[in-house]
Amino acid sequence: MYVPLIVRLNNDQKPSINHLTWNVGLADFRRFLKDQGCKNIGGKGGHEKWVRSDLTRPLTIQSHVDPVPEFIVKQILGHLKIDRKDVEF
């Protein structure tokens, strides 16, 4: 399964199998969630909630933090049942 996700790295960072999710920009991550069939239903303060019909609870991301922290990306990939090895950048 190919899942497109654009990741921008700083000049001193190199991608590896352990760090496929480094520095995902907020706009790129929103586009990724839309491409996965998720819909933004709003949120409170600096957070956004995203839903999809097969998920039992909403996915929450911080809308005031750019880039999206790696642990948030890993958590959401887990909820979407996407292996990090399948994320292409």
C-alpha atoms as a PDB file:
ATOM      1  CA  MET A   1       0.000   0.000   0.000  1.00  0.00           C
ATOM      2  CA  TYR A   2       1.503   3.323  -1.089  1.00  0.00           C
ATOM      3  CA  VAL A   3       0.651   6.310   1.090  1.00  0.00           C
ATOM      4  CA  PRO A   4       1.978   9.651  -0.181  1.00  0.00           C
ATOM      5  CA  LEU A   5       3.322  11.944   2.516  1.00  0.00           C
ATOM      6  CA  ILE A   6       5.727  14.774   1.883  1.00  0.00           C
ATOM      7  CA  VAL A   7       8.360  15.254   4.546  1.00  0.00           C
ATOM      8  CA  ARG A   8      10.766  18.159   4.489  1.00  0.00           C
ATOM      9  CA  LEU A   9      14.120  17.545   6.151  1.00  0.00           C
ATOM     10  CA  ASN A  10      16.665  20.075   7.324  1.00  0.00           C
ATOM     11  CA  ASN A  11      20.008  19.953   5.532  1.00  0.00           C
ATOM     12  CA  ASP A  12      21.664  18.008   8.352  1.00  0.00           C
ATOM     13  CA  GLN A  13      18.938  15.334   8.613  1.00  0.00           C
ATOM     14  CA  LYS A  14      18.860  12.148   6.612  1.00  0.00           C
ATOM     15  CA  PRO A  15      15.805   9.869   6.398  1.00  0.00           C
ATOM     16  CA  SER A  16      16.052   6.400   7.861  1.00  0.00           C
ATOM     17  CA  ILE A  17      13.616   3.581   8.494  1.00  0.00           C
ATOM     18  CA  ASN A  18      13.354   4.725  12.116  1.00  0.00           C
ATOM     19  CA  HIS A  19      12.619   8.346  11.272  1.00  0.00           C
ATOM     20  CA  LEU A  20      10.257   8.366   8.304  1.00  0.00           C
ATOM     21  CA  THR A  21       8.124  11.046   9.907  1.00  0.00           C
ATOM     22  CA  TRP A  22      10.640  13.794  10.665  1.00  0.00           C
ATOM     23  CA  ASN A  23       9.376  17.355  10.409  1.00  0.00           C
ATOM     24  CA  VAL A  24       6.039  16.909   8.674  1.00  0.00           C
ATOM     25  CA  GLY A  25       4.701  20.367   7.953  1.00  0.00           C
ATOM     26  CA  LEU A  26       1.208  21.158   9.223  1.00  0.00           C
ATOM     27  CA  ALA A  27      -0.171  21.908   5.737  1.00  0.00           C
ATOM     28  CA  ASP A  28       1.332  18.669   4.373  1.00  0.00           C
ATOM     29  CA  PHE A  29      -0.094  16.656   7.261  1.00  0.00           C
ATOM     30  CA  ARG A  30      -3.553  18.166   6.780  1.00  0.00           C
ATOM     31  CA  ARG A  31      -3.353  17.233   3.082  1.00  0.00           C
ATOM     32  CA  PHE A  32      -2.285  13.706   4.072  1.00  0.00           C
ATOM     33  CA  LEU A  33      -5.274  13.348   6.434  1.00  0.00           C
ATOM     34  CA  LYS A  34      -7.645  14.536   3.683  1.00  0.00           C
ATOM     35  CA  ASP A  35      -6.091  12.057   1.237  1.00  0.00           C
ATOM     36  CA  GLN A  36      -6.741   9.286   3.784  1.00  0.00           C
ATOM     37  CA  GLY A  37     -10.459  10.151   3.837  1.00  0.00           C
ATOM     38  CA  CYS A  38     -10.443  12.119   7.101  1.00  0.00           C
ATOM     39  CA  LYS A  39     -12.579  15.208   7.587  1.00  0.00           C
ATOM     40  CA  ASN A  40     -11.782  18.179   9.829  1.00  0.00           C
ATOM     41  CA  ILE A  41     -14.692  18.799  12.226  1.00  0.00           C
ATOM     42  CA  GLY A  42     -13.099  21.745  14.006  1.00  0.00           C
ATOM     43  CA  GLY A  43     -11.850  21.793  17.560  1.00  0.00           C
ATOM     44  CA  LYS A  44     -11.118  24.105  20.456  1.00  0.00           C
ATOM     45  CA  GLY A  45      -8.210  26.445  20.976  1.00  0.00           C
ATOM     46  CA  GLY A  46      -5.137  25.324  19.095  1.00  0.00           C
ATOM     47  CA  HIS A  47      -6.383  21.839  18.241  1.00  0.00           C
ATOM     48  CA  GLU A  48      -8.180  20.265  15.287  1.00  0.00           C
ATOM     49  CA  LYS A  49     -10.276  17.109  15.342  1.00  0.00           C
ATOM     50  CA  TRP A  50     -10.334  14.833  12.329  1.00  0.00           C
ATOM     51  CA  VAL A  51     -12.803  11.964  11.843  1.00  0.00           C
ATOM     52  CA  ARG A  52     -13.287   9.055   9.468  1.00  0.00           C
ATOM     53  CA  SER A  53     -16.191   6.615   9.340  1.00  0.00           C
ATOM     54  CA  ASP A  54     -14.156   3.575  10.432  1.00  0.00           C
ATOM     55  CA  LEU A  55     -12.488   5.300  13.418  1.00  0.00           C
ATOM     56  CA  THR A  56     -14.034   5.001  16.861  1.00  0.00           C
ATOM     57  CA  ARG A  57     -12.709   8.353  18.070  1.00  0.00           C
ATOM     58  CA  PRO A  58     -11.446  11.559  16.462  1.00  0.00           C
ATOM     59  CA  LEU A  59      -7.795  12.192  15.656  1.00  0.00           C
ATOM     60  CA  THR A  60      -6.515  15.366  17.325  1.00  0.00           C
ATOM     61  CA  ILE A  61      -3.635  17.474  16.061  1.00  0.00           C
ATOM     62  CA  GLN A  62      -2.241  20.759  17.326  1.00  0.00           C
ATOM     63  CA  SER A  63      -2.995  23.486  14.819  1.00  0.00           C
ATOM     64  CA  HIS A  64      -0.512  25.933  16.332  1.00  0.00           C
ATOM     65  CA  VAL A  65       2.586  23.694  16.149  1.00  0.00           C
ATOM     66  CA  ASP A  66       4.420  23.488  12.829  1.00  0.00           C
ATOM     67  CA  PRO A  67       5.989  21.045  12.074  1.00  0.00           C
ATOM     68  CA  VAL A  68       3.778  18.351  13.561  1.00  0.00           C
ATOM     69  CA  PRO A  69       5.727  16.502  16.297  1.00  0.00           C
ATOM     70  CA  GLU A  70       6.932  13.043  15.328  1.00  0.00           C
ATOM     71  CA  PHE A  71       5.088  11.316  18.184  1.00  0.00           C
ATOM     72  CA  ILE A  72       1.773  12.769  16.948  1.00  0.00           C
ATOM     73  CA  VAL A  73       2.453  11.539  13.401  1.00  0.00           C
ATOM     74  CA  LYS A  74       3.340   8.053  14.707  1.00  0.00           C
ATOM     75  CA  GLN A  75       0.220   7.973  16.880  1.00  0.00           C
ATOM     76  CA  ILE A  76      -2.073   8.968  14.006  1.00  0.00           C
ATOM     77  CA  LEU A  77      -0.441   6.501  11.595  1.00  0.00           C
ATOM     78  CA  GLY A  78      -1.171   3.813  14.187  1.00  0.00           C
ATOM     79  CA  HIS A  79      -4.824   4.830  14.464  1.00  0.00           C
ATOM     80  CA  LEU A  80      -5.128   4.806  10.668  1.00  0.00           C
ATOM     81  CA  LYS A  81      -3.453   1.350  10.608  1.00  0.00           C
ATOM     82  CA  ILE A  82      -0.688   2.563   8.293  1.00  0.00           C
ATOM     83  CA  ASP A  83       2.793   1.117   8.716  1.00  0.00           C
ATOM     84  CA  ARG A  84       5.530   3.743   8.741  1.00  0.00           C
ATOM     85  CA  LYS A  85       7.407   1.693   6.163  1.00  0.00           C
ATOM     86  CA  ASP A  86       4.514   2.291   3.740  1.00  0.00           C
ATOM     87  CA  VAL A  87       4.754   6.065   4.000  1.00  0.00           C
ATOM     88  CA  GLU A  88       6.605   7.397   0.977  1.00  0.00           C
ATOM     89  CA  PHE A  89       8.213  10.817   0.809  1.00  0.00           C
END
